[in-house]
């Protein structure tokens, strides 16, 4: 997976495997709790830090299955964990959110 970071809006589709996502909106006061030591892995954060966080400080979470997509609004703090041994995904970065399902290319 990938540790917490931000960027512009993106649409990410999982082609194979499953990805667990952790998301926190801009302005969330829990950014410090979402960070971890630079030499720690996302797996170490998942099992070492996340369980110790109070429920109100935990990020939003979901698992994106193969064939599913997730829209990440711009500047949302987010990280991923690869649930399966092998994963393939595509991310498309955009400036505007899709306004309808027809605007999303698969």
Protein backbone atom coordinates (compact mmCIF):
# COMPACT_ATOMS: atom_id res chain seq x y z
CA UNK A 1 0.00 0.00 0.00
CA UNK A 2 0.86 3.66 0.13
CA UNK A 3 1.27 5.82 3.23
CA UNK A 4 -0.85 8.92 3.87
CA UNK A 5 -0.51 11.71 1.32
CA UNK A 6 -2.59 14.28 -0.58
CA UNK A 7 -2.92 15.47 -4.18
CA UNK A 8 -5.61 16.77 -6.51
CA UNK A 9 -8.85 14.91 -7.17
CA UNK A 10 -8.45 11.38 -8.53
CA UNK A 11 -10.46 8.39 -9.68
CA UNK A 12 -8.85 5.05 -8.88
CA UNK A 13 -10.09 1.72 -10.25
CA UNK A 14 -8.92 -1.63 -8.91
CA UNK A 15 -8.40 -4.07 -11.78
CA UNK A 16 -7.21 -7.09 -9.80
CA UNK A 17 -7.18 -7.77 -6.08
CA UNK A 18 -8.59 -5.52 -3.36
CA UNK A 19 -7.35 -2.26 -1.85
CA UNK A 20 -8.34 -0.98 1.58
CA UNK A 21 -8.58 2.81 1.64
CA UNK A 22 -8.20 5.20 4.58
CA UNK A 23 -9.45 8.75 3.96
CA UNK A 24 -9.62 11.98 5.95
CA UNK A 25 -11.09 15.27 4.65
CA UNK A 26 -9.12 18.51 4.41
CA UNK A 27 -9.10 20.48 7.63
CA UNK A 28 -9.43 17.33 9.76
CA UNK A 29 -7.60 17.89 13.04
CA UNK A 30 -6.45 14.26 13.19
CA UNK A 31 -3.60 14.52 10.65
CA UNK A 32 -0.98 13.90 13.31
CA UNK A 33 -2.64 10.59 14.25
CA UNK A 34 -2.66 9.53 10.59
CA UNK A 35 1.07 10.00 10.11
CA UNK A 36 3.74 7.52 11.09
CA UNK A 37 7.51 7.21 11.22
CA UNK A 38 9.20 7.44 7.82
CA UNK A 39 10.75 3.99 8.11
CA UNK A 40 7.48 2.30 9.17
CA UNK A 41 5.30 0.50 6.63
CA UNK A 42 1.60 0.99 6.01
CA UNK A 43 1.11 -2.50 7.46
CA UNK A 44 2.79 -1.40 10.69
CA UNK A 45 0.50 1.65 10.82
CA UNK A 46 -2.56 -0.53 10.15
CA UNK A 47 -1.84 -2.94 13.00
CA UNK A 48 0.13 -0.72 15.38
CA UNK A 49 -1.37 2.78 15.22
CA UNK A 50 -4.92 2.45 13.89
CA UNK A 51 -6.25 0.16 16.65
CA UNK A 52 -4.97 2.58 19.32
CA UNK A 53 -6.76 5.59 17.84
CA UNK A 54 -10.00 6.66 19.49
CA UNK A 55 -12.97 6.02 17.15
CA UNK A 56 -13.44 9.76 16.49
CA UNK A 57 -9.81 10.07 15.34
CA UNK A 58 -9.90 7.18 12.86
CA UNK A 59 -10.07 7.87 9.14
CA UNK A 60 -12.98 6.80 6.96
CA UNK A 61 -12.37 3.32 5.58
CA UNK A 62 -13.55 1.17 2.69
CA UNK A 63 -12.33 -1.76 0.61
CA UNK A 64 -12.42 -1.41 -3.17
CA UNK A 65 -12.92 -4.74 -4.94
CA UNK A 66 -11.68 -5.67 -8.42
CA UNK A 67 -13.77 -3.83 -11.00
CA UNK A 68 -14.81 -1.10 -8.55
CA UNK A 69 -13.63 2.51 -8.55
CA UNK A 70 -13.26 5.15 -5.86
CA UNK A 71 -13.28 8.93 -6.26
CA UNK A 72 -10.90 10.78 -3.95
CA UNK A 73 -11.69 14.51 -3.67
CA UNK A 74 -8.74 16.88 -3.97
CA UNK A 75 -6.55 17.39 -0.91
CA UNK A 76 -8.11 14.51 1.06
CA UNK A 77 -5.47 12.80 3.19
CA UNK A 78 -5.48 9.12 2.14
CA UNK A 79 -3.54 5.87 2.27
CA UNK A 80 -4.03 2.34 0.97
CA UNK A 81 -3.31 -1.20 2.03
CA UNK A 82 -3.19 -4.01 -0.53
CA UNK A 83 -5.51 -6.68 0.89
CA UNK A 84 -4.52 -9.37 -1.60
CA UNK A 85 -1.06 -10.58 -2.55
CA UNK A 86 -1.30 -9.15 -6.07
CA UNK A 87 -3.04 -5.90 -6.99
CA UNK A 88 -3.38 -3.83 -10.12
CA UNK A 89 -5.05 -0.45 -10.28
CA UNK A 90 -5.27 2.65 -12.45
CA UNK A 91 -5.54 6.20 -11.12
CA UNK A 92 -6.67 9.15 -13.19
CA UNK A 93 -6.09 12.61 -11.79
CA UNK A 94 -8.68 15.25 -12.52
CA UNK A 95 -9.51 18.82 -11.58
CA UNK A 96 -13.26 18.41 -11.34
CA UNK A 97 -15.42 15.63 -9.85
CA UNK A 98 -17.52 13.60 -12.29
CA UNK A 99 -21.04 15.00 -12.50
CA UNK A 100 -22.65 11.76 -13.67
CA UNK A 101 -21.71 8.13 -14.13
CA UNK A 102 -21.59 8.82 -17.87
CA UNK A 103 -18.60 11.12 -17.24
CA UNK A 104 -16.55 8.24 -15.82
CA UNK A 105 -14.64 6.21 -18.41
CA UNK A 106 -14.04 2.55 -17.59
